[in-house]
PDB file of N, CA and C in Angstrom:
ATOM      1  N   MET A   1       0.922 -11.472 -13.423  1.00  0.00           N
ATOM      2  CA  MET A   1       0.282 -10.434 -14.027  1.00  0.00           C
ATOM      3  C   MET A   1      -1.185 -10.335 -13.611  1.00  0.00           C
ATOM      4  N   ALA A   2      -1.764  -9.283 -13.337  1.00  0.00           N
ATOM      5  CA  ALA A   2      -3.099  -9.063 -12.879  1.00  0.00           C
ATOM      6  C   ALA A   2      -4.081  -9.342 -13.941  1.00  0.00           C
ATOM      7  N   THR A   3      -5.237  -9.833 -13.573  1.00  0.00           N
ATOM      8  CA  THR A   3      -6.328 -10.075 -14.613  1.00  0.00           C
ATOM      9  C   THR A   3      -6.881  -8.748 -14.891  1.00  0.00           C
ATOM     10  N   PRO A   4      -7.494  -8.655 -16.167  1.00  0.00           N
ATOM     11  CA  PRO A   4      -8.194  -7.343 -16.556  1.00  0.00           C
ATOM     12  C   PRO A   4      -9.233  -6.869 -15.578  1.00  0.00           C
ATOM     13  N   LEU A   5      -9.882  -7.774 -14.860  1.00  0.00           N
ATOM     14  CA  LEU A   5     -10.837  -7.234 -13.894  1.00  0.00           C
ATOM     15  C   LEU A   5     -10.262  -6.637 -12.649  1.00  0.00           C
ATOM     16  N   LEU A   6      -9.035  -7.020 -12.256  1.00  0.00           N
ATOM     17  CA  LEU A   6      -8.360  -6.334 -11.096  1.00  0.00           C
ATOM     18  C   LEU A   6      -7.627  -5.111 -11.480  1.00  0.00           C
ATOM     19  N   LEU A   7      -7.357  -4.828 -12.695  1.00  0.00           N
ATOM     20  CA  LEU A   7      -6.432  -3.645 -13.011  1.00  0.00           C
ATOM     21  C   LEU A   7      -7.095  -2.271 -12.461  1.00  0.00           C
ATOM     22  N   PRO A   8      -8.293  -2.074 -12.743  1.00  0.00           N
ATOM     23  CA  PRO A   8      -8.885  -0.812 -12.225  1.00  0.00           C
ATOM     24  C   PRO A   8      -8.741  -0.532 -10.724  1.00  0.00           C
ATOM     25  N   MET A   9      -8.957  -1.626 -10.045  1.00  0.00           N
ATOM     26  CA  MET A   9      -8.798  -1.592  -8.425  1.00  0.00           C
ATOM     27  C   MET A   9      -7.359  -1.409  -8.125  1.00  0.00           C
ATOM     28  N   LEU A  10      -6.446  -2.098  -8.724  1.00  0.00           N
ATOM     29  CA  LEU A  10      -5.046  -1.892  -8.356  1.00  0.00           C
ATOM     30  C   LEU A  10      -4.524  -0.691  -8.811  1.00  0.00           C
ATOM     31  N   GLU A  11      -4.958  -0.083  -9.879  1.00  0.00           N
ATOM     32  CA  GLU A  11      -4.529   1.315 -10.344  1.00  0.00           C
ATOM     33  C   GLU A  11      -5.067   2.226  -9.216  1.00  0.00           C
ATOM     34  N   TRP A  12      -6.196   2.122  -8.692  1.00  0.00           N
ATOM     35  CA  TRP A  12      -6.704   3.005  -7.785  1.00  0.00           C
ATOM     36  C   TRP A  12      -6.019   2.892  -6.405  1.00  0.00           C
ATOM     37  N   ALA A  13      -5.623   1.607  -6.127  1.00  0.00           N
ATOM     38  CA  ALA A  13      -4.819   1.402  -4.936  1.00  0.00           C
ATOM     39  C   ALA A  13      -3.497   1.989  -4.851  1.00  0.00           C
ATOM     40  N   ARG A  14      -2.853   2.114  -6.111  1.00  0.00           N
ATOM     41  CA  ARG A  14      -1.468   2.642  -6.186  1.00  0.00           C
ATOM     42  C   ARG A  14      -1.569   4.046  -5.713  1.00  0.00           C
ATOM     43  N   LYS A  15      -2.608   4.735  -5.749  1.00  0.00           N
ATOM     44  CA  LYS A  15      -2.619   6.200  -5.346  1.00  0.00           C
ATOM     45  C   LYS A  15      -2.808   6.368  -3.799  1.00  0.00           C
ATOM     46  N   LEU A  16      -3.045   5.348  -3.207  1.00  0.00           N
ATOM     47  CA  LEU A  16      -3.240   5.445  -1.720  1.00  0.00           C
ATOM     48  C   LEU A  16      -1.959   5.527  -0.998  1.00  0.00           C
ATOM     49  N   ARG A  17      -2.131   6.177   0.158  1.00  0.00           N
ATOM     50  CA  ARG A  17      -0.743   6.329   1.079  1.00  0.00           C
ATOM     51  C   ARG A  17      -0.780   5.106   1.952  1.00  0.00           C
ATOM     52  N   TYR A  18       0.395   5.042   2.726  1.00  0.00           N
ATOM     53  CA  TYR A  18       0.640   3.832   3.490  1.00  0.00           C
ATOM     54  C   TYR A  18      -0.491   3.484   4.505  1.00  0.00           C
ATOM     55  N   PRO A  19      -0.932   4.347   5.459  1.00  0.00           N
ATOM     56  CA  PRO A  19      -1.929   3.880   6.316  1.00  0.00           C
ATOM     57  C   PRO A  19      -3.160   3.364   5.792  1.00  0.00           C
ATOM     58  N   THR A  20      -3.728   4.068   4.783  1.00  0.00           N
ATOM     59  CA  THR A  20      -4.940   3.656   4.277  1.00  0.00           C
ATOM     60  C   THR A  20      -4.857   2.332   3.400  1.00  0.00           C
ATOM     61  N   LEU A  21      -3.677   2.201   2.718  1.00  0.00           N
ATOM     62  CA  LEU A  21      -3.449   0.979   1.954  1.00  0.00           C
ATOM     63  C   LEU A  21      -3.215  -0.157   2.816  1.00  0.00           C
ATOM     64  N   PHE A  22      -2.521  -0.031   3.942  1.00  0.00           N
ATOM     65  CA  PHE A  22      -2.357  -1.106   5.036  1.00  0.00           C
ATOM     66  C   PHE A  22      -3.719  -1.533   5.658  1.00  0.00           C
ATOM     67  N   LYS A  23      -4.556  -0.493   5.934  1.00  0.00           N
ATOM     68  CA  LYS A  23      -5.844  -0.902   6.489  1.00  0.00           C
ATOM     69  C   LYS A  23      -6.754  -1.723   5.614  1.00  0.00           C
ATOM     70  N   LEU A  24      -6.692  -1.234   4.296  1.00  0.00           N
ATOM     71  CA  LEU A  24      -7.510  -1.842   3.292  1.00  0.00           C
ATOM     72  C   LEU A  24      -6.967  -3.346   3.101  1.00  0.00           C
ATOM     73  N   THR A  25      -5.652  -3.529   2.916  1.00  0.00           N
ATOM     74  CA  THR A  25      -5.068  -4.800   2.648  1.00  0.00           C
ATOM     75  C   THR A  25      -5.390  -5.729   3.955  1.00  0.00           C
ATOM     76  N   ALA A  26      -5.223  -5.236   5.197  1.00  0.00           N
ATOM     77  CA  ALA A  26      -5.485  -5.993   6.315  1.00  0.00           C
ATOM     78  C   ALA A  26      -7.004  -6.432   6.417  1.00  0.00           C
ATOM     79  N   ALA A  27      -7.833  -5.417   6.153  1.00  0.00           N
ATOM     80  CA  ALA A  27      -9.204  -5.894   6.147  1.00  0.00           C
ATOM     81  C   ALA A  27      -9.580  -6.864   5.321  1.00  0.00           C
ATOM     82  N   LEU A  28      -9.179  -6.688   3.950  1.00  0.00           N
ATOM     83  CA  LEU A  28      -9.484  -7.838   3.022  1.00  0.00           C
ATOM     84  C   LEU A  28      -8.932  -9.004   3.352  1.00  0.00           C
ATOM     85  N   PHE A  29      -7.641  -9.135   3.770  1.00  0.00           N
ATOM     86  CA  PHE A  29      -6.975 -10.310   4.271  1.00  0.00           C
ATOM     87  C   PHE A  29      -7.714 -11.007   5.307  1.00  0.00           C
ATOM     88  N   ILE A  30      -8.168 -10.254   6.316  1.00  0.00           N
ATOM     89  CA  ILE A  30      -8.945 -10.953   7.493  1.00  0.00           C
ATOM     90  C   ILE A  30     -10.259 -11.384   6.895  1.00  0.00           C
ATOM     91  N   PHE A  31     -10.916 -10.607   6.111  1.00  0.00           N
ATOM     92  CA  PHE A  31     -12.200 -11.036   5.547  1.00  0.00           C
ATOM     93  C   PHE A  31     -12.014 -12.368   4.686  1.00  0.00           C
ATOM     94  N   SER A  32     -10.903 -12.500   3.989  1.00  0.00           N
ATOM     95  CA  SER A  32     -10.696 -13.710   3.173  1.00  0.00           C
ATOM     96  C   SER A  32     -10.416 -14.892   4.087  1.00  0.00           C
ATOM     97  N   ILE A  33      -9.692 -14.696   5.206  1.00  0.00           N
ATOM     98  CA  ILE A  33      -9.428 -15.696   6.161  1.00  0.00           C
ATOM     99  C   ILE A  33     -10.633 -16.246   6.833  1.00  0.00           C
ATOM    100  N   LEU A  34     -11.594 -15.374   7.187  1.00  0.00           N
ATOM    101  CA  LEU A  34     -12.789 -15.737   7.872  1.00  0.00           C
ATOM    102  C   LEU A  34     -13.833 -16.365   7.049  1.00  0.00           C
ATOM    103  N   LEU A  35     -13.787 -16.174   5.725  1.00  0.00           N
ATOM    104  CA  LEU A  35     -14.764 -16.876   4.913  1.00  0.00           C
ATOM    105  C   LEU A  35     -14.535 -18.390   4.832  1.00  0.00           C
ATOM    106  N   PRO A  36     -15.575 -19.132   4.872  1.00  0.00           N
ATOM    107  CA  PRO A  36     -15.461 -20.631   4.695  1.00  0.00           C
ATOM    108  C   PRO A  36     -14.959 -20.912   3.416  1.00  0.00           C
ATOM    109  N   PRO A  37     -14.262 -21.985   3.236  1.00  0.00           N
ATOM    110  CA  PRO A  37     -13.757 -22.450   1.933  1.00  0.00           C
ATOM    111  C   PRO A  37     -14.877 -22.720   0.906  1.00  0.00           C
ATOM    112  N   GLY A  38     -14.582 -22.288  -0.331  1.00  0.00           N
ATOM    113  CA  GLY A  38     -15.724 -22.407  -1.304  1.00  0.00           C
ATOM    114  C   GLY A  38     -16.693 -21.322  -1.372  1.00  0.00           C
ATOM    115  N   LEU A  39     -16.824 -20.388  -0.392  1.00  0.00           N
ATOM    116  CA  LEU A  39     -17.743 -19.268  -0.357  1.00  0.00           C
ATOM    117  C   LEU A  39     -16.831 -18.041  -0.736  1.00  0.00           C
ATOM    118  N   ASP A  40     -17.120 -17.587  -1.937  1.00  0.00           N
ATOM    119  CA  ASP A  40     -16.305 -16.434  -2.447  1.00  0.00           C
ATOM    120  C   ASP A  40     -17.264 -15.360  -3.019  1.00  0.00           C
ATOM    121  N   PRO A  41     -17.720 -14.391  -2.040  1.00  0.00           N
ATOM    122  CA  PRO A  41     -18.736 -13.300  -2.515  1.00  0.00           C
ATOM    123  C   PRO A  41     -18.099 -12.466  -3.419  1.00  0.00           C
ATOM    124  N   ILE A  42     -16.776 -12.034  -3.307  1.00  0.00           N
ATOM    125  CA  ILE A  42     -16.037 -11.042  -4.063  1.00  0.00           C
ATOM    126  C   ILE A  42     -15.186 -11.901  -5.085  1.00  0.00           C
ATOM    127  N   PRO A  43     -15.388 -11.824  -6.303  1.00  0.00           N
ATOM    128  CA  PRO A  43     -14.526 -12.619  -7.225  1.00  0.00           C
ATOM    129  C   PRO A  43     -12.967 -12.041  -7.104  1.00  0.00           C
ATOM    130  N   PHE A  44     -12.140 -13.115  -7.170  1.00  0.00           N
ATOM    131  CA  PHE A  44     -10.773 -12.853  -7.180  1.00  0.00           C
ATOM    132  C   PHE A  44     -10.202 -12.096  -5.914  1.00  0.00           C
ATOM    133  N   LEU A  45     -10.869 -12.411  -4.778  1.00  0.00           N
ATOM    134  CA  LEU A  45     -10.506 -11.696  -3.563  1.00  0.00           C
ATOM    135  C   LEU A  45      -9.017 -12.024  -3.136  1.00  0.00           C
ATOM    136  N   ASP A  46      -8.605 -13.359  -3.311  1.00  0.00           N
ATOM    137  CA  ASP A  46      -7.295 -13.672  -3.010  1.00  0.00           C
ATOM    138  C   ASP A  46      -6.235 -12.958  -3.834  1.00  0.00           C
ATOM    139  N   GLU A  47      -6.508 -12.921  -5.125  1.00  0.00           N
ATOM    140  CA  GLU A  47      -5.564 -12.240  -6.005  1.00  0.00           C
ATOM    141  C   GLU A  47      -5.629 -10.706  -5.711  1.00  0.00           C
ATOM    142  N   LEU A  48      -6.623 -10.113  -5.320  1.00  0.00           N
ATOM    143  CA  LEU A  48      -6.737  -8.740  -4.861  1.00  0.00           C
ATOM    144  C   LEU A  48      -5.842  -8.445  -3.669  1.00  0.00           C
ATOM    145  N   VAL A  49      -5.903  -9.385  -2.736  1.00  0.00           N
ATOM    146  CA  VAL A  49      -5.148  -9.344  -1.545  1.00  0.00           C
ATOM    147  C   VAL A  49      -3.582  -9.294  -1.914  1.00  0.00           C
ATOM    148  N   PHE A  50      -3.247 -10.288  -2.705  1.00  0.00           N
ATOM    149  CA  PHE A  50      -1.944 -10.363  -3.187  1.00  0.00           C
ATOM    150  C   PHE A  50      -1.414  -9.168  -3.879  1.00  0.00           C
ATOM    151  N   GLY A  51      -2.151  -8.597  -4.764  1.00  0.00           N
ATOM    152  CA  GLY A  51      -1.888  -7.358  -5.467  1.00  0.00           C
ATOM    153  C   GLY A  51      -1.722  -6.157  -4.520  1.00  0.00           C
ATOM    154  N   LEU A  52      -2.638  -6.021  -3.590  1.00  0.00           N
ATOM    155  CA  LEU A  52      -2.497  -5.008  -2.619  1.00  0.00           C
ATOM    156  C   LEU A  52      -1.228  -5.125  -1.683  1.00  0.00           C
ATOM    157  N   GLY A  53      -1.012  -6.442  -1.410  1.00  0.00           N
ATOM    158  CA  GLY A  53       0.231  -6.613  -0.526  1.00  0.00           C
ATOM    159  C   GLY A  53       1.487  -6.351  -1.256  1.00  0.00           C
ATOM    160  N   THR A  54       1.471  -6.511  -2.550  1.00  0.00           N
ATOM    161  CA  THR A  54       2.719  -6.174  -3.506  1.00  0.00           C
ATOM    162  C   THR A  54       2.853  -4.713  -3.538  1.00  0.00           C
ATOM    163  N   ILE A  55       1.709  -3.967  -3.724  1.00  0.00           N
ATOM    164  CA  ILE A  55       1.731  -2.496  -3.730  1.00  0.00           C
ATOM    165  C   ILE A  55       2.258  -1.984  -2.374  1.00  0.00           C
ATOM    166  N   LEU A  56       1.740  -2.533  -1.276  1.00  0.00           N
ATOM    167  CA  LEU A  56       2.132  -2.121  -0.067  1.00  0.00           C
ATOM    168  C   LEU A  56       3.653  -2.269   0.175  1.00  0.00           C
ATOM    169  N   LEU A  57       4.110  -3.421  -0.114  1.00  0.00           N
ATOM    170  CA  LEU A  57       5.599  -3.631   0.070  1.00  0.00           C
ATOM    171  C   LEU A  57       6.441  -2.764  -0.894  1.00  0.00           C
ATOM    172  N   ALA A  58       5.879  -2.538  -2.095  1.00  0.00           N
ATOM    173  CA  ALA A  58       6.627  -1.675  -3.001  1.00  0.00           C
ATOM    174  C   ALA A  58       6.682  -0.168  -2.436  1.00  0.00           C
ATOM    175  N   ASN A  59       5.658   0.319  -1.773  1.00  0.00           N
ATOM    176  CA  ASN A  59       5.576   1.615  -1.252  1.00  0.00           C
ATOM    177  C   ASN A  59       6.178   1.727   0.121  1.00  0.00           C
ATOM    178  N   TRP A  60       6.642   0.669   0.710  1.00  0.00           N
ATOM    179  CA  TRP A  60       7.200   0.733   2.071  1.00  0.00           C
ATOM    180  C   TRP A  60       8.536   1.346   1.887  1.00  0.00           C
ATOM    181  N   LYS A  61       8.790   2.474   2.605  1.00  0.00           N
ATOM    182  CA  LYS A  61      10.032   3.194   2.473  1.00  0.00           C
ATOM    183  C   LYS A  61      10.660   3.351   3.786  1.00  0.00           C
ATOM    184  N   ARG A  62      11.863   3.336   3.885  1.00  0.00           N
ATOM    185  CA  ARG A  62      12.726   3.558   5.148  1.00  0.00           C
ATOM    186  C   ARG A  62      12.557   5.039   5.575  1.00  0.00           C
ATOM    187  N   ARG A  63      12.633   5.197   6.823  1.00  0.00           N
ATOM    188  CA  ARG A  63      12.455   6.606   7.463  1.00  0.00           C
ATOM    189  C   ARG A  63      13.755   7.329   7.063  1.00  0.00           C
ATOM    190  N   LYS A  64      13.556   8.586   6.705  1.00  0.00           N
ATOM    191  CA  LYS A  64      14.695   9.384   6.274  1.00  0.00           C
ATOM    192  C   LYS A  64      15.451   9.844   7.531  1.00  0.00           C
ATOM    193  N   ASP A  65      16.762   9.969   7.256  1.00  0.00           N
ATOM    194  CA  ASP A  65      17.585  10.340   8.342  1.00  0.00           C
ATOM    195  C   ASP A  65      17.442  11.853   8.549  1.00  0.00           C
ATOM    196  N   PRO A  66      17.621  12.247   9.837  1.00  0.00           N
ATOM    197  CA  PRO A  66      17.247  13.653  10.142  1.00  0.00           C
ATOM    198  C   PRO A  66      18.261  14.560   9.277  1.00  0.00           C
ATOM    199  N   GLU A  67      17.768  15.625   8.844  1.00  0.00           N
ATOM    200  CA  GLU A  67      18.515  16.571   8.043  1.00  0.00           C
ATOM    201  C   GLU A  67      19.346  17.417   8.942  1.00  0.00           C
ATOM    202  N   PRO A  68      20.628  17.753   8.452  1.00  0.00           N
ATOM    203  CA  PRO A  68      21.387  18.692   9.329  1.00  0.00           C
ATOM    204  C   PRO A  68      20.682  20.146   9.473  1.00  0.00           C
ATOM    205  N   PRO A  69      20.907  20.758  10.516  1.00  0.00           N
ATOM    206  CA  PRO A  69      20.338  22.077  10.720  1.00  0.00           C
ATOM    207  C   PRO A  69      20.686  23.033   9.593  1.00  0.00           C
ATOM    208  N   ALA A  70      19.724  23.808   9.177  1.00  0.00           N
ATOM    209  CA  ALA A  70      19.956  24.761   8.046  1.00  0.00           C
ATOM    210  C   ALA A  70      20.763  25.958   8.579  1.00  0.00           C
ATOM    211  N   ILE A  71      21.593  26.459   7.674  1.00  0.00           N
ATOM    212  CA  ILE A  71      22.416  27.583   7.946  1.00  0.00           C
ATOM    213  C   ILE A  71      21.550  28.851   7.684  1.00  0.00           C
ATOM    214  N   GLU A  72      21.563  29.808   8.732  1.00  0.00           N
ATOM    215  CA  GLU A  72      20.821  31.128   8.535  1.00  0.00           C
ATOM    216  C   GLU A  72      21.213  31.766   7.325  1.00  0.00           C
ATOM    217  N   SER A  73      20.442  32.458   6.572  1.00  0.00           N
ATOM    218  CA  SER A  73      20.596  33.161   5.407  1.00  0.00           C
ATOM    219  C   SER A  73      21.283  34.495   5.668  1.00  0.00           C
ATOM    220  N   GLY A  74      21.233  35.050   6.852  1.00  0.00           N
ATOM    221  CA  GLY A  74      21.779  36.313   7.206  1.00  0.00           C
ATOM    222  C   GLY A  74      23.307  36.237   7.430  1.00  0.00           C
ATOM    223  N   SER A  75      23.777  35.090   7.909  1.00  0.00           N
ATOM    224  CA  SER A  75      25.195  34.932   8.348  1.00  0.00           C
ATOM    225  C   SER A  75      26.024  34.642   7.127  1.00  0.00           C
ATOM    226  N   ARG A  76      27.313  35.163   7.171  1.00  0.00           N
ATOM    227  CA  ARG A  76      28.197  34.847   6.009  1.00  0.00           C
ATOM    228  C   ARG A  76      29.309  33.893   6.467  1.00  0.00           C
ATOM    229  N   LEU A  77      29.645  33.191   5.614  1.00  0.00           N
ATOM    230  CA  LEU A  77      30.762  32.167   5.758  1.00  0.00           C
ATOM    231  C   LEU A  77      32.077  32.774   5.165  1.00  0.00           C
ATOM    232  N   ARG A  78      33.093  32.762   5.924  1.00  0.00           N
ATOM    233  CA  ARG A  78      34.371  33.250   5.377  1.00  0.00           C
ATOM    234  C   ARG A  78      35.393  32.092   5.275  1.00  0.00           C
TER     235      ARG A  78
END
C-alpha cells in the first residue's frame, strides 16, 4: 500500500500513457541508481519508482490482432 504522501503522484501517473510513463519511470530509476547511498533528496524515491513500475506493468497491453477487412456498405450479401 502506498503512503499518503505518494498517493497524489501515483494518481497523476495512472493517467499517463505508455511512452511518457516509461520515460518517467526509467529516469527516476536511473536517478535513484546514481545517487550515493544515504543521500535521498526526494523522499520516498524508491517507493515512487516501485509504484510507477507497477502502474507501467499494469498498463502494458498486448498488441491487437489486425482486424478483418470491413465489408462495404453498398454491397448486399445473399
